[in-house]
């Protein structure tokens, strides 16, 4: 599980559903569960699979852009703080306006 910053939850928590869509730059889309308990919220179901598929380990840096309706764009940086370029999966990537960065 990965907690979501409380400041983000205060601002956008009411519009988040029980599932989130994570899109990485190569167009790959992941569905992960969202759990809310009071003022705390975190990614759960599917989060570990997302981490394993992208070989994310300690010291990696993820930047989340919130696009609305529980949709996030995720940029993944390795230990050298270089963005990782994953192979394209052939899906069309939609350009979405970012509302906020987590």
Protein backbone atom coordinates (compact mmCIF):
# COMPACT_ATOMS: atom_id res chain seq x y z
CA UNK A 1 0.00 0.00 0.00
CA UNK A 2 1.09 3.55 -0.65
CA UNK A 3 -0.36 6.49 1.24
CA UNK A 4 -1.52 9.59 -0.60
CA UNK A 5 -0.44 12.96 0.86
CA UNK A 6 -3.03 14.40 3.25
CA UNK A 7 -2.94 17.81 1.55
CA UNK A 8 -3.99 16.17 -1.74
CA UNK A 9 -6.73 14.16 0.01
CA UNK A 10 -8.10 17.36 1.64
CA UNK A 11 -8.29 19.07 -1.76
CA UNK A 12 -9.45 16.23 -4.04
CA UNK A 13 -10.49 13.36 -1.75
CA UNK A 14 -14.23 13.87 -2.26
CA UNK A 15 -13.95 13.35 -6.03
CA UNK A 16 -11.84 10.17 -5.78
CA UNK A 17 -13.60 6.83 -6.20
CA UNK A 18 -12.60 3.42 -4.84
CA UNK A 19 -10.39 2.80 -7.89
CA UNK A 20 -7.74 4.89 -9.62
CA UNK A 21 -6.31 4.75 -13.11
CA UNK A 22 -2.54 5.14 -13.35
CA UNK A 23 -1.11 5.93 -16.79
CA UNK A 24 2.63 5.85 -17.46
CA UNK A 25 4.26 7.76 -20.37
CA UNK A 26 4.38 4.69 -22.67
CA UNK A 27 0.57 4.54 -22.59
CA UNK A 28 0.25 1.55 -20.26
CA UNK A 29 -2.77 1.87 -17.97
CA UNK A 30 -3.14 0.29 -14.54
CA UNK A 31 -6.19 0.05 -12.30
CA UNK A 32 -5.46 0.17 -8.58
CA UNK A 33 -7.75 0.28 -5.59
CA UNK A 34 -8.13 3.33 -3.37
CA UNK A 35 -8.94 2.98 0.30
CA UNK A 36 -10.10 5.91 2.40
CA UNK A 37 -10.23 5.92 6.18
CA UNK A 38 -11.19 9.30 7.56
CA UNK A 39 -8.60 11.79 6.29
CA UNK A 40 -6.18 9.09 5.15
CA UNK A 41 -6.16 7.52 1.71
CA UNK A 42 -3.87 5.06 -0.01
CA UNK A 43 -3.40 2.95 -3.14
CA UNK A 44 -3.92 -0.75 -2.40
CA UNK A 45 -5.23 -3.53 -4.71
CA UNK A 46 -2.97 -3.67 -7.75
CA UNK A 47 -0.35 -1.28 -6.31
CA UNK A 48 2.23 -4.01 -5.63
CA UNK A 49 1.74 -5.40 -9.16
CA UNK A 50 2.33 -1.90 -10.56
CA UNK A 51 5.58 -1.64 -8.58
CA UNK A 52 6.76 -5.11 -9.60
CA UNK A 53 5.94 -4.67 -13.31
CA UNK A 54 7.94 -1.43 -13.43
CA UNK A 55 10.77 -2.82 -11.23
CA UNK A 56 10.34 0.04 -8.78
CA UNK A 57 12.49 -0.32 -5.69
CA UNK A 58 13.75 1.79 -2.78
CA UNK A 59 15.14 5.20 -3.80
CA UNK A 60 13.02 5.39 -6.98
CA UNK A 61 11.06 8.62 -7.33
CA UNK A 62 7.49 8.76 -8.65
CA UNK A 63 5.73 11.95 -9.72
CA UNK A 64 1.94 11.86 -9.96
CA UNK A 65 -0.05 14.29 -12.06
CA UNK A 66 -3.74 14.33 -11.20
CA UNK A 67 -5.99 14.61 -14.24
CA UNK A 68 -9.39 14.40 -12.43
CA UNK A 69 -11.93 11.59 -12.00
CA UNK A 70 -9.38 9.38 -10.17
CA UNK A 71 -6.98 9.43 -13.15
CA UNK A 72 -3.27 9.92 -12.54
CA UNK A 73 -0.32 10.23 -14.89
CA UNK A 74 2.79 8.67 -13.31
CA UNK A 75 6.40 9.53 -14.14
CA UNK A 76 8.99 7.07 -12.81
CA UNK A 77 12.57 8.10 -12.03
CA UNK A 78 15.38 5.72 -11.07
CA UNK A 79 18.01 6.12 -8.35
CA UNK A 80 20.03 8.49 -10.56
CA UNK A 81 16.90 10.68 -10.89
CA UNK A 82 16.62 9.94 -14.61
CA UNK A 83 13.14 9.27 -15.95
CA UNK A 84 12.80 5.64 -16.97
CA UNK A 85 11.63 5.08 -20.53
CA UNK A 86 9.63 1.88 -20.77
CA UNK A 87 8.89 0.24 -24.15
CA UNK A 88 5.71 1.44 -25.82
CA UNK A 89 2.75 -0.87 -25.61
CA UNK A 90 1.23 0.46 -28.83
CA UNK A 91 -1.74 2.13 -27.17
CA UNK A 92 -2.64 5.71 -28.02
CA UNK A 93 -1.63 8.11 -25.25
CA UNK A 94 -4.20 10.80 -24.55
CA UNK A 95 -3.10 14.30 -23.62
CA UNK A 96 -4.84 15.32 -20.44
CA UNK A 97 -4.65 18.61 -18.60
CA UNK A 98 -3.00 18.18 -15.22
CA UNK A 99 -4.78 19.73 -12.28
CA UNK A 100 -2.27 19.03 -9.56
CA UNK A 101 0.91 17.14 -8.85
CA UNK A 102 0.99 14.79 -5.86
